[in-house]
Each structure stands twice: as structure tokens, then as C-alpha cells.
Amino acid sequence: MRNVKTFVPQCLFAWALFAHGAAQAVPSYHVTVNTAAYTGQALMDFTFLANAGVTPATAVLNHFVGAFGPEFDRSTGVTGLVPGQVALGNQGGGSYFTQWVSLGGLFSFDVQFDGDYASTVNVDASQFNATLYSSGFGSYIGGAGSFAAFELLPLSNGSPGQVLVSSPNGMGTVSAIPEPSGLFLSGLAVLGLVRRHKRRRVAASRHAPSTGHDI
């Protein structure tokens, strides 16, 4: 009975990890940009561009950290607000979202891409860019180009879709967020170690010398 009581919660825990992984297995990335070398107000622009025939995809931004100010502008169809969650689509030529920021510190956010682009044959790719501009879009902050760029490549010629990541102006850092499926495998490994440890304890107790006390 004791083994059953222990094993059932462990199975439920492993299944919860698996279910979470199955529900969340879409590409996610953490983006940081350090503006310590700059001062004043600037515009942080997020743009999701694509041709008219591209496979639908959505970019979801959240976990905003940094001196974000009020919203500057957005295109039709963009939903959400900073510091909560903002979603942009690539349909109808794309969409954009622009936010005022105060330079001088570190900014970060997460971006997650969803849609069937990775499993749908197409010749059109999507491009998501995060860029810093001076007030009025007069010039780039930190060099020409975006500090984070993502190219969503669809399924083509038998090659599965993928996301190509770069920092064109070298100012940003982009790191992939491990998918929960990896967490599931790690959970199974931990459960395996726990079970092995318990078996060793049982075996050791069976071979332990008797105390000599009889009741």
C-alpha cells in the first residue's frame, strides 16, 4: 500500500509535466537589450512583416522588464498592453506596435511564436523585428538595424519549418527558452532517481543485521 501511495502521485506529477509540455511546445525566446550607454527617450518598435500569401502566425510578447513608458502607436489588430501581454499577427501585410522607453538601463521581454508555419508548405517567410529608434524615428539607437530579428521559415522541400534568430546591430541578446518537453524528461529522470534510491533503501533494510530483540 505504501508503494501505491507513493507511485500514484509520482505518475500524476509526470503526467502533469507531459500535458504542460504538449500544450506549450511552441518556439519561445528571451530577448535583452542593454541601453546603459544611452540617455533620453526613445521608441521601441515591434514589427511583424510578411507577404499576403504567408501562413498565419502570431507573435506574443510578455514578461516586459525595463523603463517602458506610454504607448506611441499600434496597427489594427494588435491586442494587449505593456507590461502585460501584446499579440501581433503577420496577416494583411503584417502589424506593428511601438512603445516609448527611457534609455539608460536593461530591457527584456519574451516572445513566443505560434501558428502552422512550421508544418505548412509555403514559399513565404515572416519577419519579426524589435528595433530602437530615436524620437520621431529620426535614427537608430545603437547602430543601424534591429537589436533582435526572427525569420520564421515555413516547411519547404521536405525541410521542416524553423526560426532563424539574429541581432543585426549586435546590441541585443536572444536566447531560446527550453520547451516544457525538456522539463518533462527532466522530471522523469528525477522520478527515476527517486525510485532507484527507494529500492536501494529497501534492499539495505532487508540485509541489515537483526537487533536481536524479539517480541
C-alpha atoms as a PDB file:
ATOM      1  CA  MET A   1       0.000   0.000   0.000  1.00  0.00           C
ATOM      2  CA  ARG A   2       2.833   2.388   0.789  1.00  0.00           C
ATOM      3  CA  ASN A   3       4.349   1.852  -2.652  1.00  0.00           C
ATOM      4  CA  VAL A   4       0.992   2.535  -4.310  1.00  0.00           C
ATOM      5  CA  LYS A   5       0.523   5.748  -2.326  1.00  0.00           C
ATOM      6  CA  THR A   6       3.966   6.933  -3.451  1.00  0.00           C
ATOM      7  CA  PHE A   7       3.790   5.763  -7.043  1.00  0.00           C
ATOM      8  CA  VAL A   8       0.402   7.276  -7.941  1.00  0.00           C
ATOM      9  CA  PRO A   9       1.338  10.912  -7.044  1.00  0.00           C
ATOM     10  CA  GLN A  10       4.608  10.470  -8.956  1.00  0.00           C
ATOM     11  CA  CYS A  11       2.699   9.322 -12.041  1.00  0.00           C
ATOM     12  CA  LEU A  12       0.327  12.265 -11.721  1.00  0.00           C
ATOM     13  CA  PHE A  13       3.273  14.652 -11.456  1.00  0.00           C
ATOM     14  CA  ALA A  14       4.910  13.167 -14.570  1.00  0.00           C
ATOM     15  CA  TRP A  15       1.621  13.343 -16.482  1.00  0.00           C
ATOM     16  CA  ALA A  16       1.144  16.993 -15.476  1.00  0.00           C
ATOM     17  CA  LEU A  17       4.593  17.804 -16.848  1.00  0.00           C
ATOM     18  CA  PHE A  18       3.800  15.964 -20.074  1.00  0.00           C
ATOM     19  CA  ALA A  19       0.442  17.698 -20.523  1.00  0.00           C
ATOM     20  CA  HIS A  20       2.037  21.090 -19.885  1.00  0.00           C
ATOM     21  CA  GLY A  21       4.721  20.358 -22.475  1.00  0.00           C
ATOM     22  CA  ALA A  22       2.182  19.232 -25.067  1.00  0.00           C
ATOM     23  CA  ALA A  23       0.168  22.405 -24.587  1.00  0.00           C
ATOM     24  CA  GLN A  24       3.101  24.816 -24.653  1.00  0.00           C
ATOM     25  CA  ALA A  25       5.502  23.303 -27.216  1.00  0.00           C
ATOM     26  CA  VAL A  26       5.904  26.399 -29.431  1.00  0.00           C
ATOM     27  CA  PRO A  27       9.128  28.374 -30.027  1.00  0.00           C
ATOM     28  CA  SER A  28       9.813  30.888 -27.244  1.00  0.00           C
ATOM     29  CA  TYR A  29      12.739  33.269 -26.792  1.00  0.00           C
ATOM     30  CA  HIS A  30      14.050  35.671 -24.162  1.00  0.00           C
ATOM     31  CA  VAL A  31      15.353  38.988 -25.523  1.00  0.00           C
ATOM     32  CA  THR A  32      17.522  41.512 -23.685  1.00  0.00           C
ATOM     33  CA  VAL A  33      18.983  44.843 -24.798  1.00  0.00           C
ATOM     34  CA  ASN A  34      21.305  46.996 -22.702  1.00  0.00           C
ATOM     35  CA  THR A  35      20.895  50.767 -23.182  1.00  0.00           C
ATOM     36  CA  ALA A  36      23.239  51.842 -20.354  1.00  0.00           C
ATOM     37  CA  ALA A  37      25.361  53.806 -22.839  1.00  0.00           C
ATOM     38  CA  TYR A  38      22.420  55.998 -23.876  1.00  0.00           C
ATOM     39  CA  THR A  39      20.120  58.532 -22.263  1.00  0.00           C
ATOM     40  CA  GLY A  40      16.815  60.179 -23.024  1.00  0.00           C
ATOM     41  CA  GLN A  41      13.576  58.975 -24.534  1.00  0.00           C
ATOM     42  CA  ALA A  42      13.374  56.547 -27.433  1.00  0.00           C
ATOM     43  CA  LEU A  43      10.892  54.364 -29.286  1.00  0.00           C
ATOM     44  CA  MET A  44      10.986  50.577 -29.071  1.00  0.00           C
ATOM     45  CA  ASP A  45       9.237  49.228 -32.138  1.00  0.00           C
ATOM     46  CA  PHE A  46       7.978  45.678 -32.712  1.00  0.00           C
ATOM     47  CA  THR A  47       7.096  44.797 -36.301  1.00  0.00           C
ATOM     48  CA  PHE A  48       5.803  41.520 -37.744  1.00  0.00           C
ATOM     49  CA  LEU A  49       6.018  41.606 -41.570  1.00  0.00           C
ATOM     50  CA  ALA A  50       5.044  39.088 -44.247  1.00  0.00           C
ATOM     51  CA  ASN A  51       3.732  38.759 -47.788  1.00  0.00           C
ATOM     52  CA  ALA A  52      -0.001  38.356 -48.381  1.00  0.00           C
ATOM     53  CA  GLY A  53       0.234  34.601 -49.015  1.00  0.00           C
ATOM     54  CA  VAL A  54       2.176  33.699 -45.887  1.00  0.00           C
ATOM     55  CA  THR A  55       0.961  31.028 -43.468  1.00  0.00           C
ATOM     56  CA  PRO A  56      -0.747  32.723 -40.489  1.00  0.00           C
ATOM     57  CA  ALA A  57       1.397  33.178 -37.395  1.00  0.00           C
ATOM     58  CA  THR A  58       1.218  35.131 -34.155  1.00  0.00           C
ATOM     59  CA  ALA A  59       3.951  36.729 -32.063  1.00  0.00           C
ATOM     60  CA  VAL A  60       3.067  37.009 -28.376  1.00  0.00           C
ATOM     61  CA  LEU A  61       5.220  39.294 -26.188  1.00  0.00           C
ATOM     62  CA  ASN A  62       5.188  39.273 -22.391  1.00  0.00           C
ATOM     63  CA  HIS A  63       7.349  39.466 -19.258  1.00  0.00           C
ATOM     64  CA  PHE A  64       8.388  43.035 -20.073  1.00  0.00           C
ATOM     65  CA  VAL A  65      11.168  44.386 -17.845  1.00  0.00           C
ATOM     66  CA  GLY A  66      12.634  47.901 -18.039  1.00  0.00           C
ATOM     67  CA  ALA A  67      11.641  51.570 -18.137  1.00  0.00           C
ATOM     68  CA  PHE A  68       8.734  51.247 -20.551  1.00  0.00           C
ATOM     69  CA  GLY A  69       6.638  54.368 -20.918  1.00  0.00           C
ATOM     70  CA  PRO A  70       3.296  55.032 -22.604  1.00  0.00           C
ATOM     71  CA  GLU A  71       2.296  53.533 -25.918  1.00  0.00           C
ATOM     72  CA  PHE A  72       3.215  55.505 -29.028  1.00  0.00           C
ATOM     73  CA  ASP A  73       1.275  53.735 -31.791  1.00  0.00           C
ATOM     74  CA  ARG A  74      -0.059  50.403 -32.996  1.00  0.00           C
ATOM     75  CA  SER A  75      -1.635  48.922 -36.096  1.00  0.00           C
ATOM     76  CA  THR A  76      -5.137  47.496 -36.317  1.00  0.00           C
ATOM     77  CA  GLY A  77      -5.483  44.027 -34.873  1.00  0.00           C
ATOM     78  CA  VAL A  78      -2.728  44.266 -32.264  1.00  0.00           C
ATOM     79  CA  THR A  79      -4.048  43.309 -28.840  1.00  0.00           C
ATOM     80  CA  GLY A  80      -2.841  43.744 -25.257  1.00  0.00           C
ATOM     81  CA  LEU A  81      -0.772  46.283 -23.342  1.00  0.00           C
ATOM     82  CA  VAL A  82       2.688  46.602 -21.786  1.00  0.00           C
ATOM     83  CA  PRO A  83       3.609  45.433 -19.145  1.00  0.00           C
ATOM     84  CA  GLY A  84       1.109  42.634 -19.652  1.00  0.00           C
ATOM     85  CA  GLN A  85       0.918  40.769 -22.934  1.00  0.00           C
ATOM     86  CA  VAL A  86       0.888  42.013 -26.526  1.00  0.00           C
ATOM     87  CA  ALA A  87      -0.004  39.907 -29.588  1.00  0.00           C
ATOM     88  CA  LEU A  88       0.834  40.756 -33.211  1.00  0.00           C
ATOM     89  CA  GLY A  89      -0.199  38.868 -36.362  1.00  0.00           C
ATOM     90  CA  ASN A  90       1.516  38.546 -39.734  1.00  0.00           C
ATOM     91  CA  GLN A  91      -1.656  38.721 -41.838  1.00  0.00           C
ATOM     92  CA  GLY A  92      -2.638  41.552 -44.181  1.00  0.00           C
ATOM     93  CA  GLY A  93       0.963  42.600 -44.700  1.00  0.00           C
ATOM     94  CA  GLY A  94       1.801  42.420 -41.005  1.00  0.00           C
ATOM     95  CA  SER A  95       1.422  44.571 -37.912  1.00  0.00           C
ATOM     96  CA  TYR A  96       3.414  46.813 -35.588  1.00  0.00           C
ATOM     97  CA  PHE A  97       3.453  48.066 -32.021  1.00  0.00           C
ATOM     98  CA  THR A  98       5.581  50.962 -30.730  1.00  0.00           C
ATOM     99  CA  GLN A  99       6.278  51.928 -27.117  1.00  0.00           C
ATOM    100  CA  TRP A 100       8.071  54.869 -25.516  1.00  0.00           C
ATOM    101  CA  VAL A 101      11.073  53.847 -23.374  1.00  0.00           C
ATOM    102  CA  SER A 102      13.555  55.691 -21.148  1.00  0.00           C
ATOM    103  CA  LEU A 103      17.100  54.746 -22.115  1.00  0.00           C
ATOM    104  CA  GLY A 104      19.864  54.088 -19.609  1.00  0.00           C
ATOM    105  CA  GLY A 105      19.151  50.556 -18.398  1.00  0.00           C
ATOM    106  CA  LEU A 106      18.401  46.980 -19.312  1.00  0.00           C
ATOM    107  CA  PHE A 107      15.247  45.977 -21.159  1.00  0.00           C
ATOM    108  CA  SER A 108      13.960  42.455 -21.655  1.00  0.00           C
ATOM    109  CA  PHE A 109      10.896  40.579 -22.812  1.00  0.00           C
ATOM    110  CA  ASP A 110       9.847  37.134 -24.007  1.00  0.00           C
ATOM    111  CA  VAL A 111       8.445  36.410 -27.449  1.00  0.00           C
ATOM    112  CA  GLN A 112       6.576  33.276 -28.433  1.00  0.00           C
ATOM    113  CA  PHE A 113       5.633  32.315 -31.994  1.00  0.00           C
ATOM    114  CA  ASP A 114       2.511  30.297 -32.686  1.00  0.00           C
ATOM    115  CA  GLY A 115       0.863  29.089 -35.879  1.00  0.00           C
ATOM    116  CA  ASP A 116       1.152  26.393 -38.526  1.00  0.00           C
ATOM    117  CA  TYR A 117       4.068  27.954 -40.412  1.00  0.00           C
ATOM    118  CA  ALA A 118       6.472  25.187 -39.311  1.00  0.00           C
ATOM    119  CA  SER A 119       4.242  22.382 -40.635  1.00  0.00           C
ATOM    120  CA  THR A 120       2.734  24.069 -43.725  1.00  0.00           C
ATOM    121  CA  VAL A 121       4.400  24.104 -47.146  1.00  0.00           C
ATOM    122  CA  ASN A 122       4.915  27.681 -48.328  1.00  0.00           C
ATOM    123  CA  VAL A 123       7.429  29.861 -50.134  1.00  0.00           C
ATOM    124  CA  ASP A 124       6.828  32.950 -47.994  1.00  0.00           C
ATOM    125  CA  ALA A 125       8.596  33.593 -44.702  1.00  0.00           C
ATOM    126  CA  SER A 126       7.659  36.012 -41.908  1.00  0.00           C
ATOM    127  CA  GLN A 127       9.989  38.531 -40.263  1.00  0.00           C
ATOM    128  CA  PHE A 128       9.642  39.791 -36.694  1.00  0.00           C
ATOM    129  CA  ASN A 129      11.919  42.677 -35.624  1.00  0.00           C
ATOM    130  CA  ALA A 130      12.498  44.585 -32.392  1.00  0.00           C
ATOM    131  CA  THR A 131      14.179  47.947 -33.004  1.00  0.00           C
ATOM    132  CA  LEU A 132      15.138  51.066 -31.042  1.00  0.00           C
ATOM    133  CA  TYR A 133      14.637  54.442 -32.717  1.00  0.00           C
ATOM    134  CA  SER A 134      15.259  57.995 -31.626  1.00  0.00           C
ATOM    135  CA  SER A 135      12.270  60.235 -31.016  1.00  0.00           C
ATOM    136  CA  GLY A 136      10.320  60.695 -34.245  1.00  0.00           C
ATOM    137  CA  PHE A 137      12.094  57.724 -35.907  1.00  0.00           C
ATOM    138  CA  GLY A 138      14.922  60.048 -36.929  1.00  0.00           C
ATOM    139  CA  SER A 139      17.699  57.482 -36.426  1.00  0.00           C
ATOM    140  CA  TYR A 140      18.549  54.098 -34.964  1.00  0.00           C
ATOM    141  CA  ILE A 141      19.696  53.674 -31.364  1.00  0.00           C
ATOM    142  CA  GLY A 142      22.794  51.507 -31.049  1.00  0.00           C
ATOM    143  CA  GLY A 143      23.594  51.221 -34.747  1.00  0.00           C
ATOM    144  CA  ALA A 144      21.596  50.588 -37.888  1.00  0.00           C
ATOM    145  CA  GLY A 145      19.149  47.721 -37.838  1.00  0.00           C
ATOM    146  CA  SER A 146      17.167  45.816 -35.248  1.00  0.00           C
ATOM    147  CA  PHE A 147      18.530  44.564 -31.930  1.00  0.00           C
ATOM    148  CA  ALA A 148      16.556  41.334 -32.345  1.00  0.00           C
ATOM    149  CA  ALA A 149      15.299  39.698 -35.546  1.00  0.00           C
ATOM    150  CA  PHE A 150      13.399  36.457 -36.122  1.00  0.00           C
ATOM    151  CA  GLU A 151      12.782  34.874 -39.512  1.00  0.00           C
ATOM    152  CA  LEU A 152      10.003  32.282 -39.496  1.00  0.00           C
ATOM    153  CA  LEU A 153      10.697  29.813 -42.289  1.00  0.00           C
ATOM    154  CA  PRO A 154       7.836  27.513 -43.331  1.00  0.00           C
ATOM    155  CA  LEU A 155       8.010  23.872 -44.390  1.00  0.00           C
ATOM    156  CA  SER A 156       9.755  23.767 -47.778  1.00  0.00           C
ATOM    157  CA  ASN A 157      11.138  20.971 -49.983  1.00  0.00           C
ATOM    158  CA  GLY A 158      10.757  18.453 -47.187  1.00  0.00           C
ATOM    159  CA  SER A 159      12.698  20.592 -44.708  1.00  0.00           C
ATOM    160  CA  PRO A 160      10.729  21.355 -41.523  1.00  0.00           C
ATOM    161  CA  GLY A 161       9.976  24.942 -40.646  1.00  0.00           C
ATOM    162  CA  GLN A 162      12.316  26.772 -38.318  1.00  0.00           C
ATOM    163  CA  VAL A 163      13.034  30.137 -36.702  1.00  0.00           C
ATOM    164  CA  LEU A 164      16.298  31.904 -37.547  1.00  0.00           C
ATOM    165  CA  VAL A 165      17.449  34.301 -34.817  1.00  0.00           C
ATOM    166  CA  SER A 166      19.890  37.201 -35.086  1.00  0.00           C
ATOM    167  CA  SER A 167      20.827  40.613 -33.705  1.00  0.00           C
ATOM    168  CA  PRO A 168      21.562  42.712 -36.828  1.00  0.00           C
ATOM    169  CA  ASN A 169      23.063  45.661 -34.935  1.00  0.00           C
ATOM    170  CA  GLY A 170      24.733  43.449 -32.300  1.00  0.00           C
ATOM    171  CA  MET A 171      23.050  45.255 -29.431  1.00  0.00           C
ATOM    172  CA  GLY A 172      20.609  42.582 -28.349  1.00  0.00           C
ATOM    173  CA  THR A 173      20.898  39.104 -26.884  1.00  0.00           C
ATOM    174  CA  VAL A 174      18.417  36.389 -27.785  1.00  0.00           C
ATOM    175  CA  SER A 175      18.247  33.017 -26.046  1.00  0.00           C
ATOM    176  CA  ALA A 176      15.809  30.173 -26.626  1.00  0.00           C
ATOM    177  CA  ILE A 177      13.568  29.287 -23.695  1.00  0.00           C
ATOM    178  CA  PRO A 178      13.669  25.500 -23.151  1.00  0.00           C
ATOM    179  CA  GLU A 179      10.452  23.795 -24.138  1.00  0.00           C
ATOM    180  CA  PRO A 180       8.479  22.167 -21.321  1.00  0.00           C
ATOM    181  CA  SER A 181       9.001  18.802 -23.044  1.00  0.00           C
ATOM    182  CA  GLY A 182      12.563  19.020 -21.791  1.00  0.00           C
ATOM    183  CA  LEU A 183      11.173  19.713 -18.326  1.00  0.00           C
ATOM    184  CA  PHE A 184       9.058  16.578 -18.679  1.00  0.00           C
ATOM    185  CA  LEU A 185      12.116  14.476 -19.477  1.00  0.00           C
ATOM    186  CA  SER A 186      13.968  16.019 -16.556  1.00  0.00           C
ATOM    187  CA  GLY A 187      11.019  15.187 -14.329  1.00  0.00           C
ATOM    188  CA  LEU A 188      11.124  11.571 -15.459  1.00  0.00           C
ATOM    189  CA  ALA A 189      14.840  11.434 -14.699  1.00  0.00           C
ATOM    190  CA  VAL A 190      14.227  12.786 -11.203  1.00  0.00           C
ATOM    191  CA  LEU A 191      11.454  10.274 -10.630  1.00  0.00           C
ATOM    192  CA  GLY A 192      13.772   7.507 -11.806  1.00  0.00           C
ATOM    193  CA  LEU A 193      16.433   8.566  -9.309  1.00  0.00           C
ATOM    194  CA  VAL A 194      13.842   8.682  -6.524  1.00  0.00           C
ATOM    195  CA  ARG A 195      12.588   5.197  -7.337  1.00  0.00           C
ATOM    196  CA  ARG A 196      16.169   3.825  -7.539  1.00  0.00           C
ATOM    197  CA  HIS A 197      17.046   5.407  -4.199  1.00  0.00           C
ATOM    198  CA  LYS A 198      13.981   3.853  -2.574  1.00  0.00           C
ATOM    199  CA  ARG A 199      14.799   0.407  -3.983  1.00  0.00           C
ATOM    200  CA  ARG A 200      18.303   0.655  -2.557  1.00  0.00           C
ATOM    201  CA  ARG A 201      16.909   1.621   0.840  1.00  0.00           C
ATOM    202  CA  VAL A 202      14.534  -1.353   0.808  1.00  0.00           C
ATOM    203  CA  ALA A 203      17.324  -3.720  -0.211  1.00  0.00           C
ATOM    204  CA  ALA A 204      19.606  -2.333   2.504  1.00  0.00           C
ATOM    205  CA  SER A 205      16.916  -2.759   5.157  1.00  0.00           C
ATOM    206  CA  ARG A 206      16.400  -6.383   4.142  1.00  0.00           C
ATOM    207  CA  HIS A 207      20.097  -7.141   4.572  1.00  0.00           C
ATOM    208  CA  ALA A 208      20.547  -5.178   7.795  1.00  0.00           C
ATOM    209  CA  PRO A 209      21.629  -7.302  10.827  1.00  0.00           C
ATOM    210  CA  SER A 210      18.918  -8.167  13.292  1.00  0.00           C
ATOM    211  CA  THR A 211      18.834  -6.300  16.586  1.00  0.00           C
ATOM    212  CA  GLY A 212      18.145  -9.500  18.459  1.00  0.00           C
ATOM    213  CA  HIS A 213      15.020  -8.146  20.154  1.00  0.00           C
ATOM    214  CA  ASP A 214      12.038 -10.423  19.940  1.00  0.00           C
ATOM    215  CA  ILE A 215       8.549  -9.524  20.981  1.00  0.00           C
END
